[in-house]
Protein backbone atom coordinates (compact mmCIF):
# COMPACT_ATOMS: atom_id res chain seq x y z
CA MET A 1 105.53 119.93 103.91
CA THR A 2 107.43 119.70 106.93
CA MET A 3 106.68 121.10 110.76
CA THR A 4 108.20 121.14 114.18
CA ALA A 5 106.94 120.67 117.13
CA SER A 6 108.56 120.61 120.70
CA SER A 7 108.17 117.46 122.92
CA ARG A 8 109.24 117.04 126.70
CA ALA A 9 112.83 116.64 126.77
CA PRO A 10 114.34 119.92 125.95
CA THR A 11 116.99 118.52 123.72
CA THR A 12 114.82 116.61 121.39
CA THR A 13 112.70 118.02 118.43
CA MET A 14 110.14 116.23 116.19
CA THR A 15 110.10 116.22 112.30
CA THR A 16 106.71 115.34 110.88
CA THR A 17 106.75 114.54 106.99
CA MET A 18 103.75 113.76 104.95
CA VAL A 19 104.62 110.98 102.43
CA PRO A 20 102.93 108.36 100.29
CA THR A 21 103.23 104.75 101.21
CA THR A 22 101.76 101.79 99.59
CA MET A 23 99.54 99.78 101.49
CA ARG A 24 100.88 96.13 101.95
CA GLY A 25 98.83 92.83 101.96
CA ALA A 26 95.20 92.26 100.81
CA ALA A 27 94.05 93.15 104.39
CA THR A 28 94.56 97.07 105.02
CA ARG A 29 92.92 99.22 107.33
CA GLY A 30 89.59 100.77 107.17
CA ALA A 31 88.92 102.62 103.46
CA ALA A 32 92.40 102.39 102.73
CA SER A 33 92.01 98.91 101.86
CA THR A 34 91.00 99.67 98.26
CA ALA A 35 93.48 102.53 97.84
CA SER A 36 96.50 101.71 95.74
CA ARG A 37 98.38 104.56 97.74
CA SER A 38 97.79 106.52 101.04
CA HIS A 39 99.67 109.24 103.21
CA VAL A 40 101.42 108.89 106.42
CA ALA A 41 102.76 111.16 108.80
CA VAL A 42 106.36 109.74 110.07
CA VAL A 43 107.58 111.57 113.10
CA ARG A 44 111.28 111.25 113.91
CA ARG A 45 112.98 112.19 116.97
CA PRO A 46 116.90 112.84 116.63
CA PHE A 47 118.04 110.93 119.27
CA GLU A 48 116.52 107.71 117.81
CA VAL A 49 118.24 107.80 114.92
CA SER A 50 120.46 104.82 114.34
CA ARG A 51 124.13 105.37 113.27
CA SER A 52 123.69 103.09 110.74
CA CYS A 53 121.69 105.89 108.88
CA ALA A 54 125.04 107.68 108.65
CA ALA A 55 126.43 104.78 106.19
CA ARG A 56 122.89 104.05 104.59
CA GLY A 57 121.54 107.55 104.20
CA ARG A 58 118.30 106.15 104.62
CA THR A 59 116.04 103.97 106.25
CA ARG A 60 112.89 102.06 105.40
CA VAL A 61 109.55 102.25 106.81
CA GLY A 62 106.68 99.96 106.20
CA ALA A 63 102.87 100.64 105.78
CA ARG A 64 102.61 99.84 109.21
CA ALA A 65 105.79 100.87 111.37
CA VAL A 66 107.06 98.51 113.87
CA HIS A 67 106.95 100.34 116.92
CA GLY A 68 109.25 100.03 119.92
CA ALA A 69 113.01 101.22 119.66
CA THR A 70 115.67 98.87 120.02
CA ILE A 71 119.37 99.14 121.46
CA ALA A 72 122.04 98.20 119.29
CA GLY A 73 123.78 95.14 120.84
CA ALA A 74 127.38 96.52 119.84
CA GLY A 75 126.44 99.98 121.30
CA HIS A 76 128.69 103.08 120.25
CA ALA A 77 132.64 103.03 119.67
CA ARG A 78 132.90 105.75 122.72
CA GLY A 79 130.43 103.45 124.84
CA GLY A 80 127.46 104.67 124.03
CA VAL A 81 124.36 103.10 122.58
CA ALA A 82 123.09 103.43 119.33
CA MET A 83 119.12 103.31 118.90
CA THR A 84 117.21 102.35 115.76
CA PRO A 85 114.67 104.88 114.71
CA ARG A 86 111.30 104.71 116.58
CA ARG A 87 108.85 105.35 113.58
CA ASP A 88 105.60 106.29 114.97
CA VAL A 89 103.32 106.69 111.84
CA ALA A 90 100.22 107.88 111.98
CA ARG A 91 97.75 108.49 108.89
CA SER A 92 96.21 111.53 107.27
CA ALA A 93 92.86 111.58 106.77
CA ALA A 94 93.39 114.62 104.15
CA PRO A 95 95.45 113.77 101.32
CA VAL A 96 98.38 115.47 100.23
CA ALA A 97 99.57 116.59 96.99
CA MET A 98 101.78 113.41 95.51
CA GLN A 99 104.70 115.61 93.91
CA ASP A 100 104.83 117.67 97.14
CA ALA A 101 105.36 114.68 99.47
CA GLU A 102 107.92 112.65 97.00
CA ASN A 103 110.10 116.09 96.83
CA ASP A 104 109.98 116.05 100.92
CA VAL A 105 111.14 112.49 101.13
CA PRO A 106 114.76 113.30 100.09
CA ARG A 107 114.83 116.58 102.03
CA ALA A 108 114.03 114.81 105.35
CA ALA A 109 116.58 111.79 104.50
CA GLU A 110 119.85 114.78 104.06
CA GLU A 111 118.49 116.51 107.02
CA ALA A 112 118.21 113.47 109.10
CA CYS A 113 122.11 112.42 107.82
CA GLU A 114 123.25 115.69 108.72
CA GLU A 115 122.00 115.76 112.28
CA ASP A 116 123.25 111.87 112.99
CA GLU A 117 126.20 112.90 114.79
CA CYS A 118 124.50 115.05 117.04
CA ALA A 119 121.79 112.64 117.53
CA VAL A 120 124.29 109.98 118.47
CA ARG A 121 125.83 111.98 120.78
CA VAL A 122 122.53 112.77 122.99
CA VAL A 123 122.20 109.29 123.20
CA GLU A 124 125.42 109.05 124.71
CA GLU A 125 124.93 111.53 127.09
CA GLU A 126 121.51 110.63 128.08
CA PHE A 127 121.87 106.90 128.12
CA PRO A 128 125.09 105.27 128.10
CA ARG A 129 125.21 101.49 127.51
CA ASP A 130 126.14 100.60 131.23
CA GLU A 131 122.90 102.59 132.46
CA VAL A 132 120.49 100.86 129.70
CA GLU A 133 121.70 97.59 130.96
CA ARG A 134 121.11 98.29 134.46
CA LEU A 135 117.75 99.29 133.33
CA GLN A 136 117.53 95.87 131.27
CA ARG A 137 118.48 93.98 134.24
CA VAL A 138 115.91 95.84 136.72
CA THR A 139 112.89 95.60 134.76
CA LEU A 140 113.52 91.52 133.76
CA MET A 141 113.98 91.02 137.69
CA GLY A 142 110.86 92.79 138.33
CA MET A 143 108.89 91.08 135.45
CA PHE A 144 110.30 87.97 136.87
CA VAL A 145 108.84 88.31 140.54
CA SER A 146 105.81 89.84 138.90
CA TYR A 147 105.16 86.60 136.93
CA CYS A 148 106.27 84.46 139.75
CA SER A 149 103.44 85.63 142.09
CA ALA A 150 101.23 84.74 139.59
CA TYR A 151 101.67 81.28 140.88
CA PHE A 152 100.70 82.17 144.36
CA VAL A 153 97.22 82.52 143.44
CA ARG A 154 96.70 79.26 141.38
CA LYS A 155 99.32 76.53 142.77
CA PRO A 156 97.96 76.60 146.10
CA MET A 157 94.74 74.86 145.04
CA SER A 158 96.35 71.82 143.63
CA VAL A 159 97.96 71.36 147.78
CA VAL A 160 94.82 71.90 149.25
CA LYS A 161 92.49 69.86 147.59
CA LYS A 162 92.28 66.63 149.58
CA PRO A 163 91.67 68.30 152.96
CA MET A 164 89.21 70.97 151.54
CA GLN A 165 87.49 67.82 150.02
CA ASP A 166 87.49 66.07 153.38
CA ALA A 167 86.51 69.48 155.49
CA LEU A 168 83.49 70.24 153.20
CA GLY A 169 82.46 66.76 152.09
CA PHE A 170 82.69 67.67 148.08
CA SER A 171 82.93 64.58 145.71
CA THR A 172 85.86 64.29 143.68
CA GLY A 173 83.77 65.51 140.67
CA THR A 174 82.68 68.77 142.29
CA VAL A 175 86.67 69.60 143.25
CA GLY A 176 87.28 68.87 139.58
CA LEU A 177 84.60 71.35 138.30
CA ILE A 178 86.38 73.66 140.68
CA ASP A 179 89.57 73.24 138.64
CA SER A 180 88.00 73.40 135.33
CA ALA A 181 85.91 76.51 136.12
CA PHE A 182 89.57 78.22 136.62
CA LEU A 183 91.13 76.41 133.43
CA LEU A 184 88.12 77.50 131.24
CA THR A 185 88.11 81.09 132.14
CA TYR A 186 91.74 81.37 132.04
CA ALA A 187 91.76 79.74 128.29
CA LEU A 188 88.75 81.82 127.08
CA GLY A 189 89.87 85.05 128.83
CA GLN A 190 93.35 85.17 126.68
CA PHE A 191 91.51 85.50 123.70
CA VAL A 192 89.75 89.09 125.09
CA ILE A 193 91.56 90.55 128.48
CA PRO A 194 95.00 91.29 126.36
CA ALA A 195 92.94 93.33 123.74
CA ILE A 196 91.71 95.57 126.70
CA GLY A 197 95.37 95.86 127.85
CA ASP A 198 96.46 96.73 124.47
CA LYS A 199 93.64 99.68 124.70
CA VAL A 200 94.14 100.90 128.36
CA GLY A 201 97.57 100.10 129.31
CA ALA A 202 98.94 96.36 130.12
CA LYS A 203 100.30 97.18 133.42
CA LYS A 204 96.49 98.54 135.02
CA VAL A 205 95.34 95.27 133.64
CA ILE A 206 97.95 93.13 135.46
CA ILE A 207 97.69 95.02 138.60
CA VAL A 208 93.82 95.19 138.61
CA GLY A 209 94.15 91.23 138.07
CA GLY A 210 96.34 90.67 140.48
CA VAL A 211 93.93 92.59 143.10
CA VAL A 212 91.14 90.47 142.18
CA SER A 213 92.88 87.15 142.40
CA PHE A 214 94.03 88.20 145.98
CA LEU A 215 90.34 89.31 146.75
CA CYS A 216 89.02 85.62 145.36
CA CYS A 217 91.49 83.66 147.23
CA VAL A 218 90.80 85.34 150.71
CA ALA A 219 87.30 84.56 149.96
CA PHE A 220 87.69 80.91 149.13
CA GLY A 221 88.55 80.08 152.15
CA TYR A 222 85.48 81.24 154.15
CA ILE A 223 82.86 79.65 151.81
CA ALA A 224 81.45 76.56 151.64
CA LEU A 225 78.79 76.74 148.82
CA PRO A 226 80.26 74.72 145.83
CA TYR A 227 79.09 76.88 143.09
CA ALA A 228 80.15 79.88 145.17
CA LEU A 229 83.48 78.56 145.00
CA MET A 230 83.19 77.37 141.06
CA ALA A 231 82.15 81.03 140.46
CA LEU A 232 85.33 82.17 142.37
CA TRP A 233 87.87 80.22 141.10
CA ALA A 234 86.14 81.04 137.78
CA ILE A 235 86.72 84.89 138.18
CA ASN A 236 90.28 84.33 139.46
CA GLY A 237 91.11 82.35 136.30
CA LEU A 238 89.68 85.21 134.28
CA ALA A 239 91.58 87.98 136.28
CA GLN A 240 94.61 85.85 135.45
CA SER A 241 94.14 85.33 131.68
CA ALA A 242 96.33 88.21 130.27
CA SER A 243 98.89 88.24 132.86
CA TYR A 244 101.25 86.05 130.55
CA PRO A 245 100.97 87.92 127.32
CA LEU A 246 100.70 91.34 128.94
CA HIS A 247 104.02 90.76 130.88
CA VAL A 248 105.43 89.64 127.10
CA LYS A 249 104.19 93.01 125.68
CA LEU A 250 105.59 95.34 128.62
CA LEU A 251 109.20 93.25 128.67
CA ASN A 252 109.52 93.43 124.66
CA PRO A 253 110.35 97.14 123.96
CA TRP A 254 113.38 96.38 126.28
CA PHE A 255 115.38 94.44 124.49
CA THR A 256 116.33 94.38 120.82
CA SER A 257 115.61 91.05 118.22
CA LYS A 258 118.94 90.09 119.11
CA GLU A 259 118.35 90.17 122.95
CA ARG A 260 114.74 89.26 122.91
CA GLY A 261 115.17 85.19 122.80
CA THR A 262 117.66 85.20 125.90
CA ALA A 263 115.59 87.73 127.98
CA MET A 264 112.07 85.99 127.42
CA GLY A 265 114.08 82.55 128.13
CA ILE A 266 115.35 83.96 131.51
CA TRP A 267 111.90 85.37 132.34
CA ALA A 268 109.88 82.21 131.19
CA THR A 269 111.62 80.07 133.77
CA SER A 270 109.38 82.23 136.49
CA GLN A 271 106.98 79.75 135.67
CA GLN A 272 108.94 76.85 136.95
CA VAL A 273 110.21 79.04 140.23
CA GLY A 274 106.64 80.51 140.81
CA ALA A 275 104.94 76.84 140.94
CA THR A 276 107.65 75.23 142.87
CA GLY A 277 107.55 78.23 145.86
CA ALA A 278 104.15 78.23 145.58
CA THR A 279 103.87 74.62 146.26
CA VAL A 280 106.46 74.88 148.96
CA LEU A 281 104.77 77.45 151.21
CA ALA A 282 101.56 75.98 150.51
CA ALA A 283 102.46 72.93 151.66
CA TRP A 284 104.47 74.19 154.89
CA LEU A 285 101.14 76.42 155.53
CA LEU A 286 98.73 73.15 155.21
CA ALA A 287 100.66 71.80 158.51
CA LYS A 288 100.80 75.00 160.41
CA VAL A 289 97.41 76.71 159.92
CA GLY A 290 95.26 74.46 157.42
CA TRP A 291 93.76 74.65 154.44
CA ARG A 292 92.12 78.24 154.44
CA LEU A 293 94.71 80.30 155.20
CA SER A 294 97.13 77.91 152.72
CA ILE A 295 95.44 79.77 149.92
CA ALA A 296 94.90 82.95 151.20
CA ILE A 297 98.52 83.57 152.75
CA PRO A 298 100.42 83.09 149.59
CA ALA A 299 98.11 84.87 147.64
CA ALA A 300 99.59 87.93 149.68
CA PHE A 301 102.74 87.87 147.75
CA MET A 302 100.84 88.53 144.52
CA LEU A 303 99.23 91.82 146.28
CA VAL A 304 102.90 92.56 147.10
CA THR A 305 103.72 92.50 143.71
CA SER A 306 100.85 94.45 142.03
CA VAL A 307 102.02 97.13 144.56
CA LEU A 308 105.57 97.07 143.27
CA LEU A 309 104.16 96.90 139.77
CA ALA A 310 102.63 100.13 140.06
CA ASN A 311 105.58 101.91 141.21
CA MET A 312 107.63 100.38 138.61
CA ASN A 313 108.49 102.51 135.17
CA LEU A 314 107.75 99.73 132.73
CA ASP A 315 108.20 101.97 129.74
CA PRO A 316 111.66 102.28 128.50
CA PRO A 317 112.86 106.19 129.09
CA TRP A 318 114.28 106.47 125.83
CA LEU A 319 111.11 106.00 124.12
CA GLN A 320 109.05 108.21 126.51
CA ASN A 321 108.85 111.06 124.48
CA THR A 322 107.42 109.91 121.22
CA THR A 323 104.21 110.85 119.34
CA TYR A 324 102.12 108.42 121.61
CA GLY A 325 103.22 110.08 124.95
CA GLU A 326 100.40 112.33 125.72
CA GLU A 327 101.99 115.68 125.36
CA ALA A 328 103.88 114.54 122.00
CA LEU A 329 100.40 113.55 120.78
CA LYS A 330 98.65 116.66 121.58
CA ASN A 331 101.67 118.62 119.69
CA THR A 332 101.32 116.31 117.10
CA LYS A 333 97.73 117.22 116.49
CA LYS A 334 97.57 120.91 117.48
CA GLY A 335 100.04 121.00 114.29
CA SER A 336 98.09 118.75 111.79
CA PRO A 337 94.25 118.09 113.50
CA ASP A 338 93.47 115.16 110.99
CA VAL A 339 96.67 112.74 112.27
CA GLU A 340 95.69 110.57 114.64
CA PRO A 341 97.61 107.37 115.94
CA ALA A 342 98.43 104.30 113.27
CA SER A 343 97.44 101.76 116.35
CA ALA A 344 93.88 103.23 116.68
CA GLY A 345 90.99 101.16 115.79
CA ILE A 346 93.02 97.95 114.89
CA ALA A 347 90.47 95.24 115.19
CA PHE A 348 90.78 91.48 116.82
CA THR A 349 89.95 90.42 113.46
CA GLU A 350 93.10 92.54 111.49
CA VAL A 351 95.12 90.63 114.25
CA LEU A 352 94.07 87.13 113.79
CA ARG A 353 95.23 87.71 109.91
CA ILE A 354 98.37 88.80 110.47
CA PRO A 355 100.55 86.49 108.36
CA ARG A 356 102.06 82.76 110.64
CA LEU A 357 100.20 83.66 113.53
CA LYS A 358 97.60 81.08 112.59
CA MET A 359 100.74 78.60 112.30
CA LEU A 360 101.93 79.69 115.82
CA MET A 361 98.68 79.10 117.03
CA VAL A 362 98.10 75.10 116.25
CA SER A 363 102.03 74.71 117.24
CA TYR A 364 100.88 76.04 120.55
CA PHE A 365 97.69 73.95 120.73
CA PHE A 366 100.33 70.75 120.14
CA VAL A 367 102.80 71.53 122.29
CA LYS A 368 100.48 72.70 125.21
CA ILE A 369 98.79 69.34 125.15
CA VAL A 370 102.30 67.89 125.14
CA ARG A 371 103.75 69.72 128.00
CA TYR A 372 100.80 69.45 130.36
CA CYS A 373 100.03 65.70 129.76
CA LEU A 374 103.40 64.61 131.11
CA LEU A 375 103.35 67.39 133.70
CA PHE A 376 100.32 66.43 135.32
CA TRP A 377 100.60 62.63 134.57
CA LEU A 378 104.31 61.57 134.79
CA PRO A 379 104.01 60.97 138.94
CA TYR A 380 100.79 58.99 138.15
CA TYR A 381 102.32 56.95 135.43
CA LEU A 382 105.51 56.39 137.41
CA ALA A 383 103.57 55.08 140.34
CA LYS A 384 100.97 53.07 138.54
CA GLU A 385 103.18 50.80 135.71
CA PHE A 386 106.34 50.65 137.73
CA GLY A 387 105.19 50.47 141.84
CA MET A 388 107.41 53.43 142.70
CA SER A 389 106.16 55.00 145.97
CA VAL A 390 103.81 58.66 145.36
CA ALA A 391 107.05 60.07 146.94
CA ILE A 392 109.43 58.89 144.80
CA ALA A 393 107.39 59.42 141.74
CA GLY A 394 106.86 62.91 142.58
CA TYR A 395 110.78 63.62 143.28
CA LEU A 396 111.77 61.91 139.94
CA SER A 397 109.46 63.91 137.80
CA CYS A 398 110.75 67.03 139.30
CA VAL A 399 113.67 66.23 136.64
CA TYR A 400 111.23 66.95 134.12
CA ASP A 401 111.04 70.51 135.20
CA LEU A 402 114.63 70.93 135.80
CA GLY A 403 114.97 70.15 132.16
CA GLY A 404 112.37 72.71 131.12
CA VAL A 405 114.44 75.35 132.75
CA LEU A 406 117.26 74.84 130.96
CA GLY A 407 115.42 73.98 127.63
CA GLY A 408 113.45 77.83 128.00
CA LEU A 409 117.06 79.35 128.57
CA SER A 410 118.93 77.37 125.78
CA CYS A 411 116.24 77.79 123.24
CA GLY A 412 116.14 81.57 123.89
CA VAL A 413 120.20 81.84 123.48
CA ILE A 414 120.42 79.96 120.38
CA GLY A 415 117.31 81.47 118.63
CA ASP A 416 119.22 84.88 119.40
CA LYS A 417 122.26 83.38 117.94
CA PHE A 418 121.56 81.67 115.01
CA PHE A 419 117.74 81.79 114.42
CA GLN A 420 117.04 85.74 114.61
CA GLY A 421 113.67 86.38 112.31
CA ARG A 422 113.39 82.44 111.80
CA ARG A 423 112.93 81.00 115.45
CA PRO A 424 109.75 78.95 114.20
CA MET A 425 112.46 76.69 112.60
CA LEU A 426 114.25 76.33 115.93
CA GLY A 427 111.09 75.37 117.60
CA ALA A 428 110.61 72.87 114.71
CA ILE A 429 113.90 71.05 115.26
CA PHE A 430 113.21 70.91 119.14
CA CYS A 431 109.98 69.25 118.39
CA ALA A 432 111.37 66.94 115.79
CA ILE A 433 113.93 65.42 118.33
CA LEU A 434 110.92 65.72 121.09
CA THR A 435 108.90 63.46 118.95
CA PHE A 436 111.55 60.78 119.01
CA ALA A 437 112.26 61.43 122.79
CA ILE A 438 108.65 60.51 123.50
CA GLY A 439 108.78 57.67 121.24
CA GLY A 440 111.54 55.75 123.26
CA TYR A 441 110.68 56.91 126.81
CA GLN A 442 108.80 53.77 127.54
CA THR A 443 111.90 51.90 126.50
CA ALA A 444 114.14 53.89 128.47
CA CYS A 445 111.72 53.52 131.66
CA GLY A 446 112.58 49.53 131.32
CA MET A 447 116.38 50.83 131.76
CA GLY A 448 116.28 51.51 135.30
CA ILE A 449 115.86 55.25 136.87
CA TRP A 450 118.96 56.42 135.71
CA ALA A 451 117.99 56.15 132.06
CA ASN A 452 114.32 56.93 133.14
CA ALA A 453 115.62 60.54 134.30
CA LEU A 454 117.77 61.08 131.92
CA CYS A 455 115.16 60.70 129.18
CA MET A 456 112.40 62.81 131.26
CA ALA A 457 115.06 65.55 131.47
CA LEU A 458 115.55 65.44 127.94
CA ILE A 459 111.87 65.78 126.97
CA GLY A 460 111.47 68.23 129.53
CA PHE A 461 114.28 70.14 127.76
CA LEU A 462 112.97 69.74 124.36
CA VAL A 463 109.10 70.70 125.01
CA ALA A 464 110.04 73.92 127.28
CA GLY A 465 112.12 75.41 124.71
CA PRO A 466 109.25 75.74 122.38
CA ASP A 467 106.57 76.27 124.85
CA ALA A 468 108.87 79.56 126.00
CA LEU A 469 109.57 80.35 122.27
CA LEU A 470 105.89 79.91 120.95
CA GLY A 471 104.24 82.25 124.07
CA SER A 472 106.79 85.04 123.73
CA THR A 473 109.33 85.85 121.09
CA ALA A 474 107.85 84.03 118.07
CA ILE A 475 104.63 86.25 118.36
CA ALA A 476 107.08 89.39 118.79
CA ASP A 477 108.72 88.43 115.46
CA CYS A 478 105.48 87.51 113.63
CA CYS A 479 104.09 91.13 114.03
CA GLU A 480 107.37 93.01 113.60
CA GLN A 481 107.83 91.42 110.36
CA ALA A 482 103.88 92.10 109.52
CA GLY A 483 104.78 95.28 110.11
CA TYR A 484 102.97 95.43 113.54
CA GLY A 485 104.35 96.13 116.87
CA GLU A 486 103.46 97.20 120.50
CA GLU A 487 100.15 98.32 119.79
CA VAL A 488 99.02 94.80 118.80
CA LEU A 489 101.28 92.67 120.82
CA GLY A 490 99.31 92.10 123.83
CA THR A 491 96.25 91.12 121.73
CA ALA A 492 98.40 88.60 119.57
CA ALA A 493 99.95 87.00 122.57
CA GLY A 494 96.68 86.61 124.15
CA ILE A 495 95.31 84.86 121.23
CA VAL A 496 98.26 82.31 120.84
CA ASN A 497 98.54 81.48 124.53
CA GLY A 498 94.83 81.27 124.44
CA MET A 499 94.69 78.65 122.17
CA GLY A 500 97.38 76.73 123.99
CA SER A 501 95.67 76.93 126.85
CA ILE A 502 92.54 75.61 125.38
CA GLY A 503 95.19 72.32 124.11
CA ALA A 504 96.15 72.49 128.01
CA VAL A 505 92.51 72.14 129.17
CA LEU A 506 91.68 69.57 126.74
CA GLN A 507 94.59 67.21 127.66
CA GLY A 508 93.06 66.35 131.06
CA THR A 509 90.07 64.05 129.46
CA LEU A 510 92.02 63.18 126.63
CA THR A 511 94.86 61.30 128.64
CA ALA A 512 92.61 59.77 130.99
CA TYR A 513 90.45 58.56 127.91
CA ILE A 514 93.51 57.14 125.94
CA ALA A 515 95.05 55.86 129.08
CA GLU A 516 92.33 53.79 130.02
CA LYS A 517 90.67 52.45 126.71
CA TYR A 518 94.30 51.93 125.07
CA GLY A 519 97.08 51.89 127.33
CA TRP A 520 99.86 54.13 128.37
CA GLY A 521 101.77 52.93 125.15
CA ALA A 522 99.28 54.18 122.81
CA LEU A 523 99.18 57.37 124.68
CA PHE A 524 102.99 58.46 124.40
CA CYS A 525 102.20 57.21 120.85
CA THR A 526 99.64 59.78 120.59
CA LEU A 527 101.81 62.52 122.22
CA ALA A 528 104.59 61.59 119.72
CA VAL A 529 102.00 62.13 116.87
CA LEU A 530 101.02 65.29 118.23
CA SER A 531 104.81 66.70 118.57
CA ALA A 532 105.23 65.82 114.81
CA LEU A 533 102.05 67.79 114.16
CA SER A 534 103.83 70.72 115.72
CA VAL A 535 106.64 70.02 113.75
CA VAL A 536 104.83 70.30 110.45
CA SER A 537 103.11 73.73 111.53
CA LEU A 538 106.34 75.46 112.41
CA LEU A 539 107.45 74.29 109.53
CA ALA A 540 104.52 76.20 107.33
CA ALA A 541 105.21 79.12 109.68
CA THR A 542 108.57 79.47 108.22
CA ASN A 543 107.22 79.21 104.34
CA SER A 544 108.59 82.17 102.54
CA LYS A 545 105.29 83.38 101.67
CA PHE A 546 104.41 84.80 104.66
CA VAL A 547 107.60 86.97 105.21
CA GLU A 548 107.96 90.36 102.71
CA SER A 549 111.86 90.42 101.70
CA ASP A 550 113.45 93.66 101.51
CA GLN A 551 113.51 93.01 97.75
CA ASP A 552 109.88 92.98 97.68
CA GLU A 553 109.44 96.40 99.72
CA ASP A 554 111.84 98.09 97.35
CA GLU A 555 110.47 97.01 93.72
CA GLY A 556 106.88 99.00 94.65
CA ILE A 557 106.66 102.78 94.09
CA GLY A 558 106.33 104.53 97.21
CA ALA A 559 106.25 100.91 98.70
CA THR A 560 108.58 102.36 101.43
CA LEU A 561 109.67 105.49 102.73
CA VAL A 562 112.83 106.87 103.07
CA VAL A 563 113.77 108.94 106.04
CA ALA A 564 116.22 108.95 108.84
């Protein structure tokens, strides 16, 4: 049966077709897990039909549709943008007769292909390629600045530790506990807060978190009780815990899988840019206004970006008139009261069961230990073992960050060109080379400052690539290949990044213990082993048993839906 409902755009109609599909995998949603077949309502907007439909005459949609239309990189011959179909899938509580549904499938596909020429023409008129690229650049820049600001409520603390300790009479252990309070809530919060963003809106959660962090930083300078400061910094860590995964969620639908790696690679460098900018500003303010305002003033940047973010449209305009829009969803329910969004009721445990996600978690845990150990301890190592001044050691360690910027960008570009859908393999290659680079770093240090700097830059390059990949694009690919989309991306990104953050927390104790008890040589050997373990887990994530091939999808009767 076919029913038509009007959406907000006057040039757009929506066609809803009830068809059967086979639920894939052992872990399916709710009561449908025991059923061999279920029924779904597929809502199609004509202007989202891809030109490839005209050649194939059909497009397959799995039991769980991938949400988030994408823009074909090549565009259209007349300069327009071809859109891949956005499939908003919802399950019907009332089964439809199998024969009627099967008869509707070819009719829906035939009607869709008849409308294809008109569909592409609408896309060309409303969203020419240059306009889409402009919107992508603006959004990427906004997300870049937004995440840069996150470091202005985190990094100044590392600059003012010593004067704060002297002014308040804290022990080194107390200062360390304040730091640990932030890291602990930041790590644990990533398992919970991003899931809230999936339910109530990612932008809302980021903005609220930014305002809370600003207030914590302002209050921090006016409190002298150690436990109160720990509580404030713990709240700050919790407020910031969802920032990274929810930025990934918001940025992801703006780019195709062919563009995603490059875009995320550019955006990921906001970490280095933000950390450097916050450190320089806090150091300058420390000499001018003291340690209290050196924490509060940089945090104002976070407040400004929160206001800017609130006024940004972070939904691609070509995706706004869908059944997940309020009016369109109301119209769909009006036509069929039993239809509800496919994303409703997706539990945390179900997201955790997404194939390959656990392997990404394990890999990121190892990569984060390696990255943060080198980030925090390289200046100390150079000063202690090679007699460099603290200033020289600090400046030299900046080469590690510079290599990281290039590594994140390069990994994204290479992934887009040669490893689409197989990005964990690229991460495994980077980590394999990283294993040997870390193993040879001590030898390079003994060969002079230039060899030291070159090897350090190489290590930064090799560790930042997998770090950027595992925290964003690999997660999006993993969700899409499992048949999920934007409705779970924030939660999935939070789980993986949360596991990585636990590694970042543990590295401090691990590094100090191994370096003190067994020496720095043993520490670098440990880091090389951890890098090798990340290779193993990344290779496991490329195992073919986790990826359903197109042939597998075609074999089952009703396993795929034929619709334009």
